[in-house]
């Protein structure tokens, strides 16, 4: 386990015809904190150990990747030219920016970050060439009035990643 890095930080490698094709990083974005300051916010955040773990991996990557975590990065806070819905009163992000987004930009390998947490947001937008996207509320035991569905992610044979929302009413 990563020192001070939470649980569940791992990488899945996707292959096609026995060749590495794409990677998916999964990171523990931690949870609500009992004690916090207004500056840090009420939610946990990626540790610097986790950012170092990501950097150690991505610096060696020969293929592109995506990242999945629950609580959005602070870069989600001011979306510009977004698609889909932003219905929460605000984004409820990680408490501190510990540099993950800067590392993603630096290495240029991660093409998208996918989060949940805010059930009335399913927007996505590009920031510095990286897709920042919410999933779609999918479960029935959570708040939110959106039609249930999910976010679909495609990676084509040229390794280009795209994503969109699929509603349950669209599935036959």
Protein backbone atom coordinates (compact mmCIF):
# COMPACT_ATOMS: atom_id res chain seq x y z
CA UNK A 1 0.00 0.00 0.00
CA UNK A 2 1.13 3.57 -0.66
CA UNK A 3 2.20 5.37 2.49
CA UNK A 4 -0.61 7.81 3.36
CA UNK A 5 -2.27 6.87 0.11
CA UNK A 6 -5.59 5.36 0.98
CA UNK A 7 -6.85 2.06 -0.34
CA UNK A 8 -7.59 0.87 -3.83
CA UNK A 9 -4.96 2.64 -5.91
CA UNK A 10 -4.29 0.39 -8.87
CA UNK A 11 -3.88 0.17 -12.64
CA UNK A 12 -5.69 -2.06 -15.15
CA UNK A 13 -3.97 -2.68 -18.47
CA UNK A 14 -6.07 -3.30 -21.59
CA UNK A 15 -4.63 -5.33 -24.43
CA UNK A 16 -5.68 -5.90 -28.02
CA UNK A 17 -4.20 -8.79 -29.98
CA UNK A 18 -1.85 -9.38 -27.03
CA UNK A 19 -0.42 -5.83 -27.21
CA UNK A 20 -0.86 -3.18 -24.54
CA UNK A 21 -3.57 -0.83 -25.80
CA UNK A 22 -4.70 1.49 -22.96
CA UNK A 23 -4.57 1.85 -19.16
CA UNK A 24 -7.07 2.78 -16.47
CA UNK A 25 -5.89 4.19 -13.14
CA UNK A 26 -8.13 3.90 -10.08
CA UNK A 27 -7.38 6.17 -7.14
CA UNK A 28 -8.79 6.52 -3.63
CA UNK A 29 -9.98 10.13 -3.37
CA UNK A 30 -10.79 9.62 0.33
CA UNK A 31 -14.00 10.76 2.03
CA UNK A 32 -15.60 13.47 4.11
CA UNK A 33 -13.43 14.69 6.96
CA UNK A 34 -14.61 15.23 10.54
CA UNK A 35 -12.32 18.21 11.03
CA UNK A 36 -11.43 20.72 8.33
CA UNK A 37 -10.86 24.36 7.52
CA UNK A 38 -12.77 26.42 4.97
CA UNK A 39 -9.57 26.69 2.93
CA UNK A 40 -9.19 22.91 2.71
CA UNK A 41 -12.86 22.06 2.36
CA UNK A 42 -14.74 19.20 3.95
CA UNK A 43 -13.64 16.38 1.67
CA UNK A 44 -10.43 14.42 1.65
CA UNK A 45 -7.92 14.64 -1.13
CA UNK A 46 -5.22 12.69 -2.89
CA UNK A 47 -2.04 12.49 -0.85
CA UNK A 48 1.28 13.61 -2.30
CA UNK A 49 2.27 9.91 -2.03
CA UNK A 50 -0.57 9.04 -4.41
CA UNK A 51 0.49 11.74 -6.86
CA UNK A 52 4.06 10.38 -6.72
CA UNK A 53 2.70 6.85 -7.28
CA UNK A 54 0.81 8.08 -10.36
CA UNK A 55 3.87 9.94 -11.64
CA UNK A 56 6.10 6.88 -11.19
CA UNK A 57 3.68 4.84 -13.29
CA UNK A 58 2.67 7.34 -15.97
CA UNK A 59 6.27 8.43 -16.60
CA UNK A 60 6.90 4.86 -17.83
CA UNK A 61 3.66 4.52 -19.82
CA UNK A 62 3.84 3.82 -23.53
CA UNK A 63 0.06 4.11 -24.01
CA UNK A 64 -2.62 6.59 -23.01
CA UNK A 65 -4.84 6.23 -19.95
CA UNK A 66 -7.89 7.41 -18.02
CA UNK A 67 -8.34 7.91 -14.27
CA UNK A 68 -11.33 6.98 -12.11
CA UNK A 69 -11.97 8.33 -8.61
CA UNK A 70 -15.00 9.31 -6.58
CA UNK A 71 -14.48 12.91 -5.42
CA UNK A 72 -13.71 15.42 -8.22
CA UNK A 73 -10.45 17.31 -8.50
CA UNK A 74 -10.53 21.04 -7.80
CA UNK A 75 -10.19 21.61 -11.56
CA UNK A 76 -13.88 20.64 -11.90
CA UNK A 77 -14.94 23.74 -9.95
CA UNK A 78 -15.24 26.22 -12.85
CA UNK A 79 -16.28 24.31 -15.97
CA UNK A 80 -16.20 26.21 -19.26
CA UNK A 81 -18.20 25.17 -22.32
CA UNK A 82 -19.44 22.01 -20.65
CA UNK A 83 -21.82 19.39 -22.04
CA UNK A 84 -24.76 17.86 -20.14
CA UNK A 85 -26.00 18.97 -16.70
CA UNK A 86 -24.58 21.03 -13.84
CA UNK A 87 -27.49 21.00 -11.35
CA UNK A 88 -25.73 20.99 -7.96
CA UNK A 89 -25.39 24.40 -6.32
CA UNK A 90 -21.62 23.96 -6.80
CA UNK A 91 -18.96 21.32 -7.30
CA UNK A 92 -17.96 19.57 -4.06
CA UNK A 93 -14.30 18.82 -4.83
CA UNK A 94 -11.33 17.38 -3.01
CA UNK A 95 -10.17 19.66 -0.22
CA UNK A 96 -6.69 20.41 -1.57
CA UNK A 97 -5.05 20.32 -5.00
CA UNK A 98 -1.98 18.14 -4.46
CA UNK A 99 -0.79 18.31 -8.07
CA UNK A 100 -2.34 15.35 -9.88
CA UNK A 101 -3.81 17.47 -12.68
CA UNK A 102 -0.47 19.23 -13.23
CA UNK A 103 1.22 15.81 -13.58
CA UNK A 104 -1.42 14.69 -16.07
CA UNK A 105 -0.73 17.77 -18.19
CA UNK A 106 3.03 17.35 -17.82
CA UNK A 107 3.10 13.75 -19.08
CA UNK A 108 0.30 14.06 -21.63
CA UNK A 109 -0.77 10.42 -21.31
CA UNK A 110 -4.00 10.69 -19.33
CA UNK A 111 -6.87 11.70 -21.59
CA UNK A 112 -9.75 11.76 -19.11
CA UNK A 113 -10.73 11.80 -15.44
CA UNK A 114 -14.09 10.29 -14.45
CA UNK A 115 -15.72 11.00 -11.08
CA UNK A 116 -19.02 10.68 -9.23
CA UNK A 117 -19.87 12.24 -5.86
CA UNK A 118 -22.17 15.08 -6.99
CA UNK A 119 -25.30 13.19 -8.08
CA UNK A 120 -26.87 16.16 -9.89
CA UNK A 121 -23.86 16.76 -12.11
CA UNK A 122 -23.07 14.72 -15.19
CA UNK A 123 -21.21 17.39 -17.14
CA UNK A 124 -17.96 17.00 -19.01
CA UNK A 125 -15.53 19.48 -20.50
CA UNK A 126 -11.99 19.70 -21.81
CA UNK A 127 -9.33 21.42 -19.74
CA UNK A 128 -5.82 21.55 -21.17
CA UNK A 129 -6.65 18.62 -23.46
CA UNK A 130 -7.98 16.40 -20.65
CA UNK A 131 -11.66 15.44 -20.44
CA UNK A 132 -13.01 16.11 -16.95
CA UNK A 133 -16.27 14.16 -16.67
CA UNK A 134 -18.84 13.09 -14.15
CA UNK A 135 -20.54 9.76 -14.47
CA UNK A 136 -24.31 9.61 -14.51
CA UNK A 137 -26.18 8.64 -11.36
CA UNK A 138 -26.84 4.94 -11.79
CA UNK A 139 -28.09 3.59 -8.46
CA UNK A 140 -31.49 3.93 -6.84
CA UNK A 141 -30.34 4.34 -3.23
CA UNK A 142 -28.87 7.82 -3.65
CA UNK A 143 -30.28 11.33 -3.86
CA UNK A 144 -31.00 12.90 -7.21
CA UNK A 145 -33.87 13.19 -9.64
CA UNK A 146 -31.92 12.50 -12.86
CA UNK A 147 -32.99 9.56 -14.97
CA UNK A 148 -30.59 6.77 -14.14
CA UNK A 149 -27.94 5.83 -16.65
CA UNK A 150 -24.20 5.70 -17.02
CA UNK A 151 -21.22 7.18 -18.81
CA UNK A 152 -19.88 5.19 -21.74
CA UNK A 153 -16.21 5.48 -22.68
CA UNK A 154 -14.93 4.43 -26.10
CA UNK A 155 -11.35 4.04 -27.21
CA UNK A 156 -11.06 3.49 -30.97
CA UNK A 157 -8.38 1.62 -32.90
CA UNK A 158 -6.37 4.86 -33.16
CA UNK A 159 -6.39 5.12 -29.35
CA UNK A 160 -8.71 8.17 -29.39
CA UNK A 161 -10.95 8.30 -26.31
CA UNK A 162 -14.50 9.68 -26.37
CA UNK A 163 -17.32 9.55 -23.85
CA UNK A 164 -21.02 10.24 -23.55
CA UNK A 165 -24.03 9.63 -21.29
CA UNK A 166 -26.36 6.68 -21.91
CA UNK A 167 -29.75 6.82 -20.19
CA UNK A 168 -31.62 3.75 -19.02
CA UNK A 169 -34.52 4.69 -21.35
CA UNK A 170 -32.12 4.43 -24.31
CA UNK A 171 -31.26 0.80 -23.58
CA UNK A 172 -33.52 -1.77 -25.14
